[in-house]
């Protein structure tokens, strides 16, 4: 949709534009799993507050800030869980 809108404004750019899929599954083709199933797989109780970060794990993303800030969340909500998903240099 974005490419089509761009080409309406700049029709000469068609040969210079490409669409790069973002890697997110279309829920119409591959339905998402329900929350209880995902929580159970990752050992998170249904009642626990859950924070999920899906990101490229690189220094400039400053994931350490999230981890440090989550200490305050845990003080207020001891049962809270943090899950970080992604690939990158900081994965290990």
Protein backbone atom coordinates (compact mmCIF):
# COMPACT_ATOMS: atom_id res chain seq x y z
CA UNK A 1 0.00 0.00 0.00
CA UNK A 2 2.84 2.40 0.81
CA UNK A 3 4.59 1.63 -2.48
CA UNK A 4 1.37 2.18 -4.45
CA UNK A 5 0.78 5.53 -2.76
CA UNK A 6 4.37 6.57 -3.44
CA UNK A 7 4.12 5.57 -7.10
CA UNK A 8 0.95 7.63 -7.50
CA UNK A 9 3.00 10.69 -6.56
CA UNK A 10 6.15 9.58 -8.43
CA UNK A 11 5.25 7.21 -11.28
CA UNK A 12 8.77 7.41 -12.74
CA UNK A 13 10.18 5.76 -9.60
CA UNK A 14 8.64 2.33 -10.24
CA UNK A 15 11.86 0.81 -11.57
CA UNK A 16 13.76 2.18 -8.56
CA UNK A 17 11.52 0.86 -5.78
CA UNK A 18 11.31 -2.54 -4.14
CA UNK A 19 9.14 -3.95 -1.38
CA UNK A 20 10.97 -5.61 1.50
CA UNK A 21 8.65 -7.79 3.62
CA UNK A 22 8.88 -7.08 7.34
CA UNK A 23 8.81 -10.72 8.43
CA UNK A 24 5.55 -10.50 10.37
CA UNK A 25 3.15 -13.33 9.59
CA UNK A 26 -0.24 -12.39 8.21
CA UNK A 27 -2.72 -13.49 10.92
CA UNK A 28 -5.19 -14.38 8.16
CA UNK A 29 -2.78 -16.99 6.79
CA UNK A 30 -1.07 -18.09 10.02
CA UNK A 31 -3.26 -17.37 13.05
CA UNK A 32 -1.48 -16.18 16.17
CA UNK A 33 -1.41 -18.48 19.17
CA UNK A 34 -3.59 -17.50 22.08
CA UNK A 35 -2.07 -15.90 25.15
CA UNK A 36 -2.48 -18.84 27.58
CA UNK A 37 -0.66 -21.17 25.18
CA UNK A 38 2.28 -18.81 24.72
CA UNK A 39 2.46 -17.99 28.44
CA UNK A 40 2.48 -21.69 29.38
CA UNK A 41 5.25 -22.44 26.89
CA UNK A 42 7.43 -19.74 28.46
CA UNK A 43 6.59 -20.49 32.08
CA UNK A 44 4.60 -17.30 32.70
CA UNK A 45 1.47 -17.60 34.83
CA UNK A 46 -1.81 -16.27 33.40
CA UNK A 47 -1.98 -13.59 36.12
CA UNK A 48 1.59 -12.28 35.88
CA UNK A 49 2.16 -8.93 34.17
CA UNK A 50 4.21 -9.65 31.06
CA UNK A 51 6.45 -7.23 29.16
CA UNK A 52 7.72 -8.42 25.78
CA UNK A 53 10.45 -6.74 23.76
CA UNK A 54 10.95 -7.94 20.18
CA UNK A 55 13.93 -6.14 18.71
CA UNK A 56 17.20 -6.39 16.86
CA UNK A 57 19.68 -7.05 19.66
CA UNK A 58 22.34 -4.47 18.93
CA UNK A 59 24.05 -1.87 21.13
CA UNK A 60 22.18 1.09 19.63
CA UNK A 61 18.84 -0.42 20.70
CA UNK A 62 19.92 0.06 24.34
CA UNK A 63 18.12 -3.04 25.60
CA UNK A 64 20.10 -2.66 28.83
CA UNK A 65 17.94 0.39 29.64
CA UNK A 66 14.83 -1.81 29.51
CA UNK A 67 16.48 -4.42 31.73
CA UNK A 68 17.55 -1.80 34.26
CA UNK A 69 14.11 -0.14 34.25
CA UNK A 70 12.43 -3.50 34.74
CA UNK A 71 13.91 -3.58 38.27
CA UNK A 72 11.44 -0.83 39.19
CA UNK A 73 8.59 -2.80 37.63
CA UNK A 74 9.54 -5.87 39.67
CA UNK A 75 9.60 -3.84 42.89
CA UNK A 76 6.01 -2.73 42.22
CA UNK A 77 4.86 -6.04 40.71
CA UNK A 78 7.07 -8.88 42.00
CA UNK A 79 5.38 -11.46 39.75
CA UNK A 80 6.06 -9.43 36.58
CA UNK A 81 8.01 -11.16 33.82
CA UNK A 82 10.20 -9.76 31.05
CA UNK A 83 10.85 -11.62 27.81
CA UNK A 84 13.26 -10.34 25.18
CA UNK A 85 13.20 -11.83 21.68
CA UNK A 86 15.43 -11.07 18.75
CA UNK A 87 18.65 -11.72 16.93
CA UNK A 88 21.86 -9.72 16.85
CA UNK A 89 25.31 -9.27 18.30
CA UNK A 90 24.00 -9.06 21.88
CA UNK A 91 21.94 -12.26 21.77
CA UNK A 92 24.19 -14.17 24.16
